[in-house]
Structures are given as C-alpha cells and as structure tokens.
C-alpha atoms as a PDB file:
ATOM      1  CA  UNK A   1       3.826  10.780 -10.799  1.00  0.00           C
ATOM      2  CA  UNK A   2       5.573  11.472  -7.720  1.00  0.00           C
ATOM      3  CA  UNK A   3       5.811  15.042  -6.672  1.00  0.00           C
ATOM      4  CA  UNK A   4       6.726  17.195  -3.695  1.00  0.00           C
ATOM      5  CA  UNK A   5       6.038  20.869  -3.139  1.00  0.00           C
ATOM      6  CA  UNK A   6       6.790  23.849  -1.106  1.00  0.00           C
ATOM      7  CA  UNK A   7       3.635  24.413  -0.003  1.00  0.00           C
ATOM      8  CA  UNK A   8       0.512  23.198  -1.373  1.00  0.00           C
ATOM      9  CA  UNK A   9      -0.119  21.958  -5.354  1.00  0.00           C
ATOM     10  CA  UNK A  10      -2.172  21.752  -7.851  1.00  0.00           C
ATOM     11  CA  UNK A  11      -1.720  19.487 -11.159  1.00  0.00           C
ATOM     12  CA  UNK A  12      -3.623  19.750 -14.518  1.00  0.00           C
ATOM     13  CA  UNK A  13      -2.855  17.008 -17.012  1.00  0.00           C
ATOM     14  CA  UNK A  14      -4.390  17.452 -20.512  1.00  0.00           C
ATOM     15  CA  UNK A  15      -6.618  20.119 -19.147  1.00  0.00           C
ATOM     16  CA  UNK A  16      -8.295  17.820 -16.087  1.00  0.00           C
ATOM     17  CA  UNK A  17      -7.458  18.461 -12.280  1.00  0.00           C
ATOM     18  CA  UNK A  18      -5.719  15.143 -11.561  1.00  0.00           C
ATOM     19  CA  UNK A  19      -4.127  16.393  -8.137  1.00  0.00           C
ATOM     20  CA  UNK A  20      -4.621  18.855  -5.249  1.00  0.00           C
ATOM     21  CA  UNK A  21      -3.137  19.209  -1.985  1.00  0.00           C
ATOM     22  CA  UNK A  22      -3.546  22.207   0.172  1.00  0.00           C
ATOM     23  CA  UNK A  23      -0.865  21.988   2.928  1.00  0.00           C
ATOM     24  CA  UNK A  24       1.727  23.965   4.360  1.00  0.00           C
ATOM     25  CA  UNK A  25       5.177  21.727   4.088  1.00  0.00           C
ATOM     26  CA  UNK A  26       8.573  22.009   2.907  1.00  0.00           C
ATOM     27  CA  UNK A  27       9.826  20.480  -0.261  1.00  0.00           C
ATOM     28  CA  UNK A  28      10.237  16.708   0.037  1.00  0.00           C
ATOM     29  CA  UNK A  29      10.735  15.018  -3.092  1.00  0.00           C
ATOM     30  CA  UNK A  30       8.157  11.907  -3.802  1.00  0.00           C
ATOM     31  CA  UNK A  31       6.136  13.431  -0.917  1.00  0.00           C
ATOM     32  CA  UNK A  32       2.595  12.451  -3.230  1.00  0.00           C
ATOM     33  CA  UNK A  33       2.127   9.906  -5.660  1.00  0.00           C
ATOM     34  CA  UNK A  34      -0.430  10.132  -7.902  1.00  0.00           C
ATOM     35  CA  UNK A  35      -1.453   7.436 -10.529  1.00  0.00           C
ATOM     36  CA  UNK A  36      -2.212   9.067 -14.149  1.00  0.00           C
ATOM     37  CA  UNK A  37      -2.527   8.021 -17.467  1.00  0.00           C
ATOM     38  CA  UNK A  38      -0.409   9.885 -20.054  1.00  0.00           C
ATOM     39  CA  UNK A  39      -1.251   9.633 -23.566  1.00  0.00           C
ATOM     40  CA  UNK A  40       1.317   8.792 -26.508  1.00  0.00           C
ATOM     41  CA  UNK A  41       2.896  11.605 -27.554  1.00  0.00           C
ATOM     42  CA  UNK A  42       2.566  15.158 -26.580  1.00  0.00           C
ATOM     43  CA  UNK A  43       0.690  15.743 -23.039  1.00  0.00           C
ATOM     44  CA  UNK A  44       0.132  18.995 -21.411  1.00  0.00           C
ATOM     45  CA  UNK A  45       1.255  19.487 -17.693  1.00  0.00           C
ATOM     46  CA  UNK A  46       0.167  22.397 -15.681  1.00  0.00           C
ATOM     47  CA  UNK A  47       1.463  23.129 -11.885  1.00  0.00           C
ATOM     48  CA  UNK A  48       0.439  25.247  -9.251  1.00  0.00           C
ATOM     49  CA  UNK A  49       2.104  25.584  -6.141  1.00  0.00           C
ATOM     50  CA  UNK A  50       0.177  27.284  -3.476  1.00  0.00           C
ATOM     51  CA  UNK A  51       3.212  29.140  -1.502  1.00  0.00           C
ATOM     52  CA  UNK A  52       2.445  30.588   1.848  1.00  0.00           C
ATOM     53  CA  UNK A  53       5.487  31.877   2.722  1.00  0.00           C
ATOM     54  CA  UNK A  54       9.532  31.482   2.230  1.00  0.00           C
ATOM     55  CA  UNK A  55      10.740  29.798  -1.058  1.00  0.00           C
ATOM     56  CA  UNK A  56       8.249  28.018  -3.505  1.00  0.00           C
ATOM     57  CA  UNK A  57       9.644  24.867  -4.758  1.00  0.00           C
ATOM     58  CA  UNK A  58       8.388  21.848  -6.966  1.00  0.00           C
ATOM     59  CA  UNK A  59      10.179  18.745  -7.777  1.00  0.00           C
ATOM     60  CA  UNK A  60       8.134  16.204 -10.130  1.00  0.00           C
ATOM     61  CA  UNK A  61       8.697  12.740 -11.328  1.00  0.00           C
ATOM     62  CA  UNK A  62       7.320  10.156 -13.792  1.00  0.00           C
ATOM     63  CA  UNK A  63       7.505   6.617 -13.751  1.00  0.00           C
ATOM     64  CA  UNK A  64       6.130   3.587 -15.401  1.00  0.00           C
ATOM     65  CA  UNK A  65       4.085   1.260 -13.351  1.00  0.00           C
ATOM     66  CA  UNK A  66       7.251  -1.181 -13.232  1.00  0.00           C
ATOM     67  CA  UNK A  67       9.150   1.574 -11.545  1.00  0.00           C
ATOM     68  CA  UNK A  68      11.321   2.870 -14.647  1.00  0.00           C
ATOM     69  CA  UNK A  69      11.929   6.489 -14.320  1.00  0.00           C
ATOM     70  CA  UNK A  70      10.958   8.129 -17.156  1.00  0.00           C
ATOM     71  CA  UNK A  71      11.249  11.858 -16.781  1.00  0.00           C
ATOM     72  CA  UNK A  72      12.616  14.188 -13.656  1.00  0.00           C
ATOM     73  CA  UNK A  73      12.662  18.093 -13.235  1.00  0.00           C
ATOM     74  CA  UNK A  74      14.297  19.317 -11.288  1.00  0.00           C
ATOM     75  CA  UNK A  75      17.077  16.148 -11.697  1.00  0.00           C
ATOM     76  CA  UNK A  76      16.697  14.122  -8.740  1.00  0.00           C
ATOM     77  CA  UNK A  77      18.477  10.860  -7.554  1.00  0.00           C
ATOM     78  CA  UNK A  78      16.513   7.797  -8.681  1.00  0.00           C
ATOM     79  CA  UNK A  79      14.913   6.269  -5.530  1.00  0.00           C
END
C-alpha cells in the first residue's frame, strides 16, 4: 500500500491497525509504503487523517508485489 496524507494518518484493514504516522506534512503521494496482505474478495478499509490545520488530503494506491497497480484513489499517474 502506498499512501500520502496531509497531515498524520491511521489505517485499518479488516479491523486491524496496519499503519500509523503522526506527522505534520503536506500531501505527497507514496510518502508511506506499507506491506499489507489483502484477502480474496472484499476487504474493509478505514483511513483516518489527523488534520492539524489547513486542508486535509489522502492519496492511496495498492500495488501487487511485482509493482502492478491494482487500485488508486484519487486517480494518480502511475510511477
């Protein structure tokens, strides 16, 4: 999972906290890279952005281990 946030962020997948970053920063896509395992079929995703002022933002992409882009929100150009 590749993500960027403005500011800090927490991520839960299927009810388990998989990532937490308490920072003040502007959105930079792919700032955080987290190895996650998704199950086949539907997965529950919950993102919490800890906005410390100004606009809040989140960009998330999922790639396979071989680098194949599977999902992106918002739509971002592949790197």
